Amino acid sequence: MSNDLSVDEKANDFFTSSDNYPELYKSMAAFSITPPDSNVIPEGLIIFDTKKKGRFSEEECVNLFGYIAHLFYELIIEYNRYESKKK
C-alpha cells in the first residue's frame, strides 16, 4: 500500500513503466487473490488506486480490500469447478 507513489518511487519502493501514472493515480493498494490465512499460490492480484494522495487507511484497506480479494478467490475457484464439470 502506498499513499504517495511519487515518494515511494523516489525511494525505489515503487516502479511503473507508465510514463503518465502521476496523472492517473497517486495512491495504490495491491492484494493477492487468495483465501484468508493460507499459503496457496495466488490466483492473481487486485489493485485499488486513486488520483489523490493519502486516501487509504491501512486498517480499512486490510479489512475491506482484503475481504474483496478473498471473495474474488472464491469466485474464481467456483468458476473453475463449474467449468471443469461442463467438460
N, C-alpha and C. Protein backbone atom coordinates (compact mmCIF):
# COMPACT_ATOMS: atom_id res chain seq x y z
N MET A 1 0.84 -1.16 0.00
CA MET A 1 0.00 0.00 0.00
C MET A 1 0.89 1.24 0.00
N SER A 2 0.50 2.22 -0.78
CA SER A 2 1.24 3.48 -0.81
C SER A 2 0.24 4.62 -0.87
N ASN A 3 0.42 5.58 0.00
CA ASN A 3 -0.41 6.77 -0.03
C ASN A 3 0.24 7.93 -0.77
N ASP A 4 1.46 7.71 -1.27
CA ASP A 4 2.13 8.71 -2.10
C ASP A 4 3.13 7.99 -3.00
N LEU A 5 2.69 7.64 -4.19
CA LEU A 5 3.52 6.85 -5.10
C LEU A 5 4.77 7.61 -5.55
N SER A 6 4.71 8.92 -5.65
CA SER A 6 5.90 9.66 -6.07
C SER A 6 7.00 9.55 -5.03
N VAL A 7 6.66 9.59 -3.75
CA VAL A 7 7.66 9.42 -2.68
C VAL A 7 8.22 8.01 -2.71
N ASP A 8 7.34 7.01 -2.87
CA ASP A 8 7.80 5.62 -2.90
C ASP A 8 8.62 5.31 -4.15
N GLU A 9 8.31 5.98 -5.25
CA GLU A 9 9.11 5.79 -6.46
C GLU A 9 10.53 6.32 -6.23
N LYS A 10 10.66 7.48 -5.62
CA LYS A 10 11.99 8.04 -5.34
C LYS A 10 12.78 7.16 -4.39
N ALA A 11 12.09 6.47 -3.47
CA ALA A 11 12.76 5.58 -2.52
C ALA A 11 12.97 4.18 -3.10
N ASN A 12 12.65 3.99 -4.38
CA ASN A 12 12.74 2.69 -5.07
C ASN A 12 11.84 1.63 -4.44
N ASP A 13 10.74 2.06 -3.84
CA ASP A 13 9.75 1.12 -3.30
C ASP A 13 8.59 0.91 -4.26
N PHE A 14 8.56 1.66 -5.33
CA PHE A 14 7.50 1.56 -6.34
C PHE A 14 8.12 1.76 -7.70
N PHE A 15 7.69 0.94 -8.67
CA PHE A 15 8.15 1.08 -10.04
C PHE A 15 6.98 0.89 -10.97
N THR A 16 6.93 1.69 -12.00
CA THR A 16 5.96 1.51 -13.07
C THR A 16 6.61 1.86 -14.39
N SER A 17 6.17 1.21 -15.43
CA SER A 17 6.66 1.54 -16.77
C SER A 17 5.78 2.61 -17.42
N SER A 18 4.73 3.01 -16.74
CA SER A 18 3.82 4.03 -17.25
C SER A 18 4.45 5.42 -17.11
N ASP A 19 4.50 6.14 -18.20
CA ASP A 19 5.04 7.50 -18.16
C ASP A 19 4.05 8.51 -17.59
N ASN A 20 2.76 8.17 -17.65
CA ASN A 20 1.76 9.14 -17.22
C ASN A 20 1.04 8.74 -15.93
N TYR A 21 1.66 7.85 -15.14
CA TYR A 21 0.97 7.42 -13.93
C TYR A 21 0.66 8.56 -12.97
N PRO A 22 1.51 9.60 -12.84
CA PRO A 22 1.17 10.65 -11.87
C PRO A 22 -0.16 11.34 -12.17
N GLU A 23 -0.56 11.35 -13.43
CA GLU A 23 -1.84 11.95 -13.80
C GLU A 23 -3.00 11.02 -13.48
N LEU A 24 -2.75 9.73 -13.47
CA LEU A 24 -3.82 8.75 -13.33
C LEU A 24 -4.04 8.27 -11.91
N TYR A 25 -2.97 8.12 -11.15
CA TYR A 25 -3.12 7.66 -9.77
C TYR A 25 -1.94 8.09 -8.92
N LYS A 26 -2.24 8.36 -7.65
CA LYS A 26 -1.21 8.83 -6.72
C LYS A 26 -1.10 7.94 -5.48
N SER A 27 -2.14 7.16 -5.21
CA SER A 27 -2.13 6.20 -4.10
C SER A 27 -2.57 4.85 -4.65
N MET A 28 -2.04 3.76 -4.06
CA MET A 28 -2.38 2.43 -4.55
C MET A 28 -2.29 1.41 -3.43
N ALA A 29 -3.17 0.41 -3.49
CA ALA A 29 -3.11 -0.73 -2.59
C ALA A 29 -3.29 -1.99 -3.43
N ALA A 30 -2.42 -2.97 -3.25
CA ALA A 30 -2.48 -4.21 -4.03
C ALA A 30 -2.64 -5.40 -3.09
N PHE A 31 -3.50 -6.33 -3.47
CA PHE A 31 -3.77 -7.51 -2.66
C PHE A 31 -3.72 -8.75 -3.53
N SER A 32 -3.16 -9.82 -2.98
CA SER A 32 -3.16 -11.09 -3.70
C SER A 32 -4.53 -11.73 -3.56
N ILE A 33 -4.96 -12.37 -4.62
CA ILE A 33 -6.26 -13.04 -4.63
C ILE A 33 -6.03 -14.45 -4.10
N THR A 34 -6.24 -14.60 -2.80
CA THR A 34 -6.03 -15.86 -2.08
C THR A 34 -7.11 -16.02 -1.02
N PRO A 35 -7.25 -17.24 -0.48
CA PRO A 35 -8.16 -17.39 0.65
C PRO A 35 -7.51 -16.81 1.91
N PRO A 36 -8.31 -16.49 2.92
CA PRO A 36 -7.73 -15.97 4.17
C PRO A 36 -6.81 -17.00 4.83
N ASP A 37 -5.77 -16.52 5.48
CA ASP A 37 -4.88 -17.37 6.27
C ASP A 37 -4.42 -18.61 5.53
N SER A 38 -3.86 -18.42 4.35
CA SER A 38 -3.44 -19.57 3.55
C SER A 38 -2.12 -19.28 2.86
N ASN A 39 -1.39 -20.35 2.57
CA ASN A 39 -0.12 -20.23 1.84
C ASN A 39 -0.24 -20.83 0.45
N VAL A 40 -1.37 -20.62 -0.21
CA VAL A 40 -1.55 -21.13 -1.57
C VAL A 40 -1.01 -20.13 -2.58
N ILE A 41 -0.78 -20.59 -3.78
CA ILE A 41 -0.34 -19.71 -4.85
C ILE A 41 -1.51 -18.79 -5.21
N PRO A 42 -1.28 -17.49 -5.24
CA PRO A 42 -2.37 -16.55 -5.56
C PRO A 42 -2.93 -16.77 -6.96
N GLU A 43 -4.19 -16.49 -7.12
CA GLU A 43 -4.85 -16.55 -8.43
C GLU A 43 -4.57 -15.29 -9.23
N GLY A 44 -4.01 -14.27 -8.59
CA GLY A 44 -3.70 -13.01 -9.26
C GLY A 44 -3.62 -11.89 -8.24
N LEU A 45 -3.72 -10.69 -8.74
CA LEU A 45 -3.69 -9.50 -7.89
C LEU A 45 -4.90 -8.64 -8.18
N ILE A 46 -5.38 -7.95 -7.15
CA ILE A 46 -6.39 -6.93 -7.34
C ILE A 46 -5.77 -5.64 -6.81
N ILE A 47 -5.86 -4.60 -7.62
CA ILE A 47 -5.20 -3.34 -7.29
C ILE A 47 -6.24 -2.23 -7.23
N PHE A 48 -6.19 -1.48 -6.16
CA PHE A 48 -7.06 -0.32 -5.97
C PHE A 48 -6.18 0.92 -6.06
N ASP A 49 -6.62 1.91 -6.81
CA ASP A 49 -5.83 3.13 -6.89
C ASP A 49 -6.75 4.34 -6.89
N THR A 50 -6.16 5.49 -6.65
CA THR A 50 -6.91 6.73 -6.61
C THR A 50 -6.05 7.88 -7.13
N LYS A 51 -6.69 8.91 -7.60
CA LYS A 51 -5.98 10.07 -8.14
C LYS A 51 -5.51 11.01 -7.05
N LYS A 52 -5.80 10.70 -5.79
CA LYS A 52 -5.41 11.58 -4.69
C LYS A 52 -4.42 10.89 -3.76
N LYS A 53 -3.57 11.69 -3.13
CA LYS A 53 -2.62 11.17 -2.15
C LYS A 53 -3.32 10.98 -0.81
N GLY A 54 -2.81 10.02 -0.02
CA GLY A 54 -3.27 9.85 1.35
C GLY A 54 -4.70 9.39 1.51
N ARG A 55 -5.22 8.67 0.53
CA ARG A 55 -6.63 8.28 0.58
C ARG A 55 -6.89 6.94 1.26
N PHE A 56 -5.85 6.16 1.53
CA PHE A 56 -6.05 4.82 2.08
C PHE A 56 -5.67 4.75 3.55
N SER A 57 -6.52 4.13 4.33
CA SER A 57 -6.23 3.80 5.72
C SER A 57 -5.81 2.33 5.73
N GLU A 58 -4.70 2.02 6.37
CA GLU A 58 -4.21 0.64 6.36
C GLU A 58 -5.26 -0.31 6.94
N GLU A 59 -5.88 0.07 8.03
CA GLU A 59 -6.88 -0.80 8.66
C GLU A 59 -8.07 -1.03 7.74
N GLU A 60 -8.56 0.03 7.12
CA GLU A 60 -9.68 -0.11 6.20
C GLU A 60 -9.31 -0.93 4.98
N CYS A 61 -8.10 -0.71 4.46
CA CYS A 61 -7.66 -1.47 3.29
C CYS A 61 -7.60 -2.97 3.60
N VAL A 62 -6.98 -3.29 4.71
CA VAL A 62 -6.85 -4.71 5.07
C VAL A 62 -8.24 -5.34 5.23
N ASN A 63 -9.11 -4.65 5.94
CA ASN A 63 -10.43 -5.21 6.20
C ASN A 63 -11.32 -5.26 4.96
N LEU A 64 -11.42 -4.17 4.24
CA LEU A 64 -12.34 -4.12 3.11
C LEU A 64 -11.73 -4.70 1.83
N PHE A 65 -10.58 -4.18 1.42
CA PHE A 65 -9.98 -4.64 0.18
C PHE A 65 -9.49 -6.08 0.29
N GLY A 66 -8.96 -6.44 1.47
CA GLY A 66 -8.56 -7.82 1.68
C GLY A 66 -9.74 -8.76 1.57
N TYR A 67 -10.86 -8.36 2.12
CA TYR A 67 -12.09 -9.16 2.04
C TYR A 67 -12.53 -9.32 0.59
N ILE A 68 -12.48 -8.24 -0.18
CA ILE A 68 -12.86 -8.30 -1.59
C ILE A 68 -11.93 -9.25 -2.34
N ALA A 69 -10.64 -9.21 -2.06
CA ALA A 69 -9.69 -10.12 -2.71
C ALA A 69 -10.02 -11.57 -2.37
N HIS A 70 -10.40 -11.85 -1.13
CA HIS A 70 -10.77 -13.21 -0.74
C HIS A 70 -12.05 -13.65 -1.45
N LEU A 71 -13.00 -12.73 -1.61
CA LEU A 71 -14.23 -13.07 -2.34
C LEU A 71 -13.94 -13.39 -3.80
N PHE A 72 -13.04 -12.62 -4.42
CA PHE A 72 -12.64 -12.92 -5.79
C PHE A 72 -12.04 -14.31 -5.89
N TYR A 73 -11.23 -14.69 -4.89
CA TYR A 73 -10.64 -16.02 -4.90
C TYR A 73 -11.74 -17.08 -4.93
N GLU A 74 -12.73 -16.92 -4.05
CA GLU A 74 -13.84 -17.89 -4.00
C GLU A 74 -14.59 -17.94 -5.33
N LEU A 75 -14.82 -16.78 -5.95
CA LEU A 75 -15.50 -16.76 -7.25
C LEU A 75 -14.69 -17.48 -8.32
N ILE A 76 -13.38 -17.27 -8.33
CA ILE A 76 -12.53 -17.93 -9.31
C ILE A 76 -12.55 -19.44 -9.11
N ILE A 77 -12.44 -19.89 -7.87
CA ILE A 77 -12.45 -21.33 -7.58
C ILE A 77 -13.78 -21.95 -8.01
N GLU A 78 -14.89 -21.29 -7.67
CA GLU A 78 -16.21 -21.81 -8.05
C GLU A 78 -16.39 -21.82 -9.57
N TYR A 79 -15.91 -20.80 -10.23
CA TYR A 79 -15.99 -20.76 -11.69
C TYR A 79 -15.18 -21.90 -12.30
N ASN A 80 -13.98 -22.14 -11.79
CA ASN A 80 -13.16 -23.23 -12.31
C ASN A 80 -13.83 -24.58 -12.07
N ARG A 81 -14.46 -24.77 -10.91
CA ARG A 81 -15.20 -26.02 -10.65
C ARG A 81 -16.35 -26.19 -11.64
N TYR A 82 -17.09 -25.12 -11.87
CA TYR A 82 -18.20 -25.15 -12.81
C TYR A 82 -17.71 -25.52 -14.22
N GLU A 83 -16.64 -24.86 -14.65
CA GLU A 83 -16.09 -25.13 -15.98
C GLU A 83 -15.59 -26.56 -16.13
N SER A 84 -14.98 -27.09 -15.07
CA SER A 84 -14.47 -28.47 -15.16
C SER A 84 -15.61 -29.48 -15.20
N LYS A 85 -16.74 -29.18 -14.60
CA LYS A 85 -17.91 -30.08 -14.64
C LYS A 85 -18.57 -30.05 -16.02
N LYS A 86 -18.46 -28.94 -16.75
CA LYS A 86 -19.05 -28.84 -18.07
C LYS A 86 -18.34 -29.72 -19.08
N LYS A 87 -17.08 -30.02 -18.86
CA LYS A 87 -16.28 -30.78 -19.82
C LYS A 87 -16.53 -32.22 -19.73
